[in-house]
Amino acid sequence: MQYDWIGYLAGFFYIICYIPQIYTLRNGETNKLNIHMIVLQLLGAIGMTLYAVLNNLYPIIVLNTASTLCLLSITYYVYAKKD
């Protein structure tokens, strides 16, 4: 509990990594993203969220929930632009 701030800080930097991908999507450049990597990250984030919920790891819950939302939005825009 005393060092939860480290988890939140690490999560903040982790979530910032999605900004370039989301920016690329806003410009309609979906062909520059590797959808296989995005889907694998999504599966990993969902699995880590479940693990964190089962073990009451709140920084990990927050981080992976935010990561899952970012990855779901990226996946949605990639598939929406293909049509």
C-alpha atoms as a PDB file:
ATOM      1  CA  MET A   1       0.000   0.000   0.000  1.00  0.00           C
ATOM      2  CA  GLN A   2       2.811   2.376   0.808  1.00  0.00           C
ATOM      3  CA  TYR A   3       4.256   2.131  -2.687  1.00  0.00           C
ATOM      4  CA  ASP A   4       1.036   2.145  -4.734  1.00  0.00           C
ATOM      5  CA  TRP A   5       2.082   5.484  -6.203  1.00  0.00           C
ATOM      6  CA  ILE A   6       4.823   3.648  -8.120  1.00  0.00           C
ATOM      7  CA  GLY A   7       2.181   1.501  -9.805  1.00  0.00           C
ATOM      8  CA  TYR A   8       0.085   4.534 -10.705  1.00  0.00           C
ATOM      9  CA  LEU A   9       3.120   6.401 -12.058  1.00  0.00           C
ATOM     10  CA  ALA A  10       4.195   3.393 -14.114  1.00  0.00           C
ATOM     11  CA  GLY A  11       0.640   3.076 -15.419  1.00  0.00           C
ATOM     12  CA  PHE A  12       0.630   6.722 -16.434  1.00  0.00           C
ATOM     13  CA  PHE A  13       3.765   6.223 -18.539  1.00  0.00           C
ATOM     14  CA  TYR A  14       2.388   2.984 -19.948  1.00  0.00           C
ATOM     15  CA  ILE A  15      -0.840   4.640 -21.091  1.00  0.00           C
ATOM     16  CA  ILE A  16       1.083   7.507 -22.716  1.00  0.00           C
ATOM     17  CA  CYS A  17       2.555   4.918 -25.092  1.00  0.00           C
ATOM     18  CA  TYR A  18      -0.855   4.654 -26.792  1.00  0.00           C
ATOM     19  CA  ILE A  19      -0.946   8.324 -27.800  1.00  0.00           C
ATOM     20  CA  PRO A  20       1.034   7.808 -31.064  1.00  0.00           C
ATOM     21  CA  GLN A  21      -1.223   4.925 -32.106  1.00  0.00           C
ATOM     22  CA  ILE A  22      -4.384   6.880 -31.406  1.00  0.00           C
ATOM     23  CA  TYR A  23      -2.947   9.922 -33.232  1.00  0.00           C
ATOM     24  CA  THR A  24      -2.128   7.717 -36.227  1.00  0.00           C
ATOM     25  CA  LEU A  25      -5.722   6.454 -36.262  1.00  0.00           C
ATOM     26  CA  ARG A  26      -7.140   9.972 -36.161  1.00  0.00           C
ATOM     27  CA  ASN A  27      -5.228  10.682 -39.373  1.00  0.00           C
ATOM     28  CA  GLY A  28      -6.721   7.578 -40.985  1.00  0.00           C
ATOM     29  CA  GLU A  29      -3.416   5.723 -41.287  1.00  0.00           C
ATOM     30  CA  THR A  30      -4.548   2.317 -40.058  1.00  0.00           C
ATOM     31  CA  ASN A  31      -2.162   0.421 -42.339  1.00  0.00           C
ATOM     32  CA  LYS A  32       0.771   1.543 -40.152  1.00  0.00           C
ATOM     33  CA  LEU A  33      -0.493  -0.424 -37.146  1.00  0.00           C
ATOM     34  CA  ASN A  34       0.173  -4.114 -36.583  1.00  0.00           C
ATOM     35  CA  ILE A  35      -3.255  -5.395 -35.566  1.00  0.00           C
ATOM     36  CA  HIS A  36      -1.816  -8.722 -34.370  1.00  0.00           C
ATOM     37  CA  MET A  37       0.316  -6.918 -31.780  1.00  0.00           C
ATOM     38  CA  ILE A  38      -2.662  -4.797 -30.723  1.00  0.00           C
ATOM     39  CA  VAL A  39      -4.870  -7.878 -30.232  1.00  0.00           C
ATOM     40  CA  LEU A  40      -2.149  -9.665 -28.238  1.00  0.00           C
ATOM     41  CA  GLN A  41      -1.723  -6.591 -26.030  1.00  0.00           C
ATOM     42  CA  LEU A  42      -5.492  -6.498 -25.571  1.00  0.00           C
ATOM     43  CA  LEU A  43      -5.588 -10.135 -24.470  1.00  0.00           C
ATOM     44  CA  GLY A  44      -2.701  -9.509 -22.079  1.00  0.00           C
ATOM     45  CA  ALA A  45      -4.375  -6.414 -20.596  1.00  0.00           C
ATOM     46  CA  ILE A  46      -7.645  -8.294 -20.076  1.00  0.00           C
ATOM     47  CA  GLY A  47      -5.811 -11.169 -18.414  1.00  0.00           C
ATOM     48  CA  MET A  48      -3.847  -8.825 -16.151  1.00  0.00           C
ATOM     49  CA  THR A  49      -7.042  -6.981 -15.223  1.00  0.00           C
ATOM     50  CA  LEU A  50      -8.677 -10.256 -14.166  1.00  0.00           C
ATOM     51  CA  TYR A  51      -5.578 -11.218 -12.181  1.00  0.00           C
ATOM     52  CA  ALA A  52      -5.492  -7.821 -10.465  1.00  0.00           C
ATOM     53  CA  VAL A  53      -9.197  -7.973  -9.560  1.00  0.00           C
ATOM     54  CA  LEU A  54      -8.774 -11.433  -8.043  1.00  0.00           C
ATOM     55  CA  ASN A  55      -5.825 -10.186  -5.957  1.00  0.00           C
ATOM     56  CA  ASN A  56      -7.118  -6.659  -5.152  1.00  0.00           C
ATOM     57  CA  LEU A  57      -4.183  -4.929  -6.849  1.00  0.00           C
ATOM     58  CA  TYR A  58      -5.729  -1.517  -7.396  1.00  0.00           C
ATOM     59  CA  PRO A  59      -2.918   0.195  -9.355  1.00  0.00           C
ATOM     60  CA  ILE A  60      -2.865  -2.758 -11.756  1.00  0.00           C
ATOM     61  CA  ILE A  61      -6.662  -2.699 -12.077  1.00  0.00           C
ATOM     62  CA  VAL A  62      -6.616   0.989 -13.009  1.00  0.00           C
ATOM     63  CA  LEU A  63      -3.686   0.607 -15.402  1.00  0.00           C
ATOM     64  CA  ASN A  64      -5.020  -2.389 -17.268  1.00  0.00           C
ATOM     65  CA  THR A  65      -8.585  -1.106 -17.421  1.00  0.00           C
ATOM     66  CA  ALA A  66      -7.324   2.079 -19.067  1.00  0.00           C
ATOM     67  CA  SER A  67      -5.046   0.046 -21.319  1.00  0.00           C
ATOM     68  CA  THR A  68      -7.938  -2.234 -22.307  1.00  0.00           C
ATOM     69  CA  LEU A  69     -10.088   0.774 -23.205  1.00  0.00           C
ATOM     70  CA  CYS A  70      -7.304   2.259 -25.345  1.00  0.00           C
ATOM     71  CA  LEU A  71      -6.693  -1.048 -27.090  1.00  0.00           C
ATOM     72  CA  LEU A  72     -10.405  -1.625 -27.696  1.00  0.00           C
ATOM     73  CA  SER A  73     -10.722   1.816 -29.265  1.00  0.00           C
ATOM     74  CA  ILE A  74      -7.664   1.218 -31.457  1.00  0.00           C
ATOM     75  CA  THR A  75      -8.999  -2.179 -32.555  1.00  0.00           C
ATOM     76  CA  TYR A  76     -12.416  -0.704 -33.286  1.00  0.00           C
ATOM     77  CA  TYR A  77     -10.994   2.107 -35.433  1.00  0.00           C
ATOM     78  CA  VAL A  78      -8.703  -0.248 -37.337  1.00  0.00           C
ATOM     79  CA  TYR A  79     -11.609  -2.524 -38.262  1.00  0.00           C
ATOM     80  CA  ALA A  80     -14.028   0.372 -38.854  1.00  0.00           C
ATOM     81  CA  LYS A  81     -11.606   1.952 -41.363  1.00  0.00           C
ATOM     82  CA  LYS A  82     -11.244  -1.293 -43.323  1.00  0.00           C
ATOM     83  CA  ASP A  83     -14.829  -1.065 -44.603  1.00  0.00           C
END
